[in-house]
Amino acid sequence: MTATAAAPASEVAGFRHQAGIVHQVLRMNVEGFTHEESLIQPSPAGNCLNFVVGHLLWVYNNALAMLGQEGVMEPGALDRYARGAPPLTDPAEAIDLGTLMAAWDTACERVDAGLATLTPEFLDQHAPNSPTNNPDETNRTLLGTVFFHQAYHSGQAGLLRRIAGKKGAIA
């Protein structure tokens, strides 16, 4: 294997590792929550665990097409959890936490499957969008942003766990 072929393979392995850790961390932080507990709001501001899980799922659901994978929920089903959406305070607007987590697990499997097929050429291509408004966004830099985003919010889930009165999941 040449140095050029090894670098992207290593890079993809890094993305897959990051995605796997995020999957595991969110699972650990959500363990033992009821749907009702997932709606506890942090004070004085912020969003509940249900929103954070739905938001993470919204990001992956949108990224799956880029990775050549099918979405896990119908288009529009996760719009309530979109970037910039107001805090989720009405329980009637929340998707059941169990449903979100089952979809999360499936999305994580599909993200990993999609990542496993990436080529250096794909990573170098101009990205379909840029959440940071970077006119030079490539698929590589977009994936880096996606995994940073997912890690950031999976960490928030740990704080929301403590706000709900539960023991920390990660020592």
Foldseek 3Di string as FASTA:
>chain_A
DDPVQVVVVVLLVVLLVLLVVLLVLLCLLCPPDFQVLQQDADPPHDAGNLLLLLLLLVLLQVCLVLLVHHGLDDPPLSPCSYPPHGHDNDSVNGDGPVVSNVSSVVSSVSVNVSSVPDDPVQQCAADPDDPVPDRNHGNVVRSVVSSVVSVVSSVVSQVSSVVSVHDGRPD
